[in-house]
Amino acid sequence: MSTIERLTVTMPAEMAATLKSAVDAGEYASTSEVIREALRDWSFKRQLMLDELAALKQDIDKGLADVAAGRVREFNAQHIAERGENY
């Protein structure tokens, strides 16, 4: 069983009112429940961002390895623009 820890959170009055109105409307049983759901959503989005960042870093490392190994072609912006126009 997980341990419960009590925290004090400070927020702007507008946010507090939104939180309380969700509880008053019966969408949540307590303000703590709203905060827990918000943190779960934040954690999920944060993990997605970290995963995307890791994939980007991996792509950068691959590109740098290609450059170091001489696997490069001359950059031609016009050619890239023309290819984009065909889509």
Protein backbone atom coordinates (compact mmCIF):
# COMPACT_ATOMS: atom_id res chain seq x y z
CA MET A 1 0.00 0.00 0.00
CA SER A 2 1.35 3.44 -0.89
CA THR A 3 2.08 6.08 1.70
CA ILE A 4 -0.03 9.22 1.68
CA GLU A 5 1.78 12.53 2.06
CA ARG A 6 0.05 15.80 2.77
CA LEU A 7 1.27 18.80 0.77
CA THR A 8 0.27 22.44 0.73
CA VAL A 9 -0.28 23.90 -2.73
CA THR A 10 -0.52 27.60 -3.53
CA MET A 11 -2.30 28.67 -6.71
CA PRO A 12 -4.02 31.71 -8.22
CA ALA A 13 -7.60 32.32 -7.08
CA GLU A 14 -8.95 31.53 -10.57
CA MET A 15 -7.38 28.08 -10.51
CA ALA A 16 -8.69 27.41 -7.00
CA ALA A 17 -12.18 28.46 -8.08
CA THR A 18 -12.06 26.15 -11.09
CA LEU A 19 -10.91 23.30 -8.91
CA LYS A 20 -13.64 23.90 -6.31
CA SER A 21 -16.35 24.24 -8.97
CA ALA A 22 -15.41 20.82 -10.39
CA VAL A 23 -15.85 19.33 -6.92
CA ASP A 24 -19.09 21.27 -6.30
CA ALA A 25 -20.46 20.03 -9.64
CA GLY A 26 -19.85 16.45 -8.53
CA GLU A 27 -17.16 15.73 -11.12
CA TYR A 28 -14.71 14.87 -8.34
CA ALA A 29 -15.11 13.81 -4.72
CA SER A 30 -12.45 16.22 -3.44
CA THR A 31 -9.95 18.84 -4.48
CA SER A 32 -7.22 16.29 -3.79
CA GLU A 33 -8.77 14.00 -6.40
CA VAL A 34 -8.62 16.82 -8.98
CA ILE A 35 -4.96 17.48 -8.18
CA ARG A 36 -4.09 13.76 -8.37
CA GLU A 37 -5.70 13.47 -11.80
CA ALA A 38 -3.92 16.61 -12.99
CA LEU A 39 -0.60 15.17 -11.80
CA ARG A 40 -1.27 11.86 -13.55
CA ASP A 41 -1.97 13.76 -16.79
CA TRP A 42 1.15 15.88 -16.31
CA SER A 43 3.27 12.80 -15.63
CA PHE A 44 1.96 11.11 -18.77
CA LYS A 45 2.61 14.19 -20.94
CA ARG A 46 6.04 14.65 -19.39
CA GLN A 47 6.98 11.06 -20.13
CA LEU A 48 5.84 11.47 -23.75
CA MET A 49 7.99 14.59 -24.04
CA LEU A 50 11.00 12.80 -22.51
CA ASP A 51 10.51 9.86 -24.90
CA GLU A 52 10.29 12.22 -27.89
CA LEU A 53 13.40 14.06 -26.70
CA ALA A 54 15.30 10.78 -26.34
CA ALA A 55 14.27 9.77 -29.87
CA LEU A 56 15.37 13.16 -31.20
CA LYS A 57 18.74 12.84 -29.46
CA GLN A 58 19.11 9.38 -30.97
CA ASP A 59 18.39 10.78 -34.45
CA ILE A 60 20.92 13.58 -33.88
CA ASP A 61 23.55 11.06 -32.77
CA LYS A 62 22.86 8.97 -35.88
CA GLY A 63 23.19 12.06 -38.08
CA LEU A 64 26.44 13.06 -36.42
CA ALA A 65 27.77 9.52 -36.86
CA ASP A 66 26.84 9.68 -40.56
CA VAL A 67 28.71 12.97 -40.92
CA ALA A 68 31.75 11.57 -39.10
CA ALA A 69 31.72 8.50 -41.38
CA GLY A 70 31.42 10.64 -44.50
CA ARG A 71 27.90 9.48 -45.33
CA VAL A 72 26.70 12.90 -46.46
CA ARG A 73 25.42 14.60 -49.57
CA GLU A 74 25.58 18.21 -50.63
CA PHE A 75 22.71 20.22 -49.16
CA ASN A 76 20.35 21.47 -51.88
CA ALA A 77 17.54 23.61 -50.47
CA GLN A 78 15.94 24.12 -53.88
CA HIS A 79 15.66 20.37 -54.41
CA ILE A 80 14.04 19.94 -50.98
CA ALA A 81 11.56 22.75 -51.71
CA GLU A 82 10.65 21.18 -55.06
CA ARG A 83 10.05 17.83 -53.44
CA GLY A 84 7.79 19.50 -50.88
CA GLU A 85 5.73 21.14 -53.60
CA ASN A 86 4.84 17.73 -55.02
CA TYR A 87 2.92 16.75 -51.86
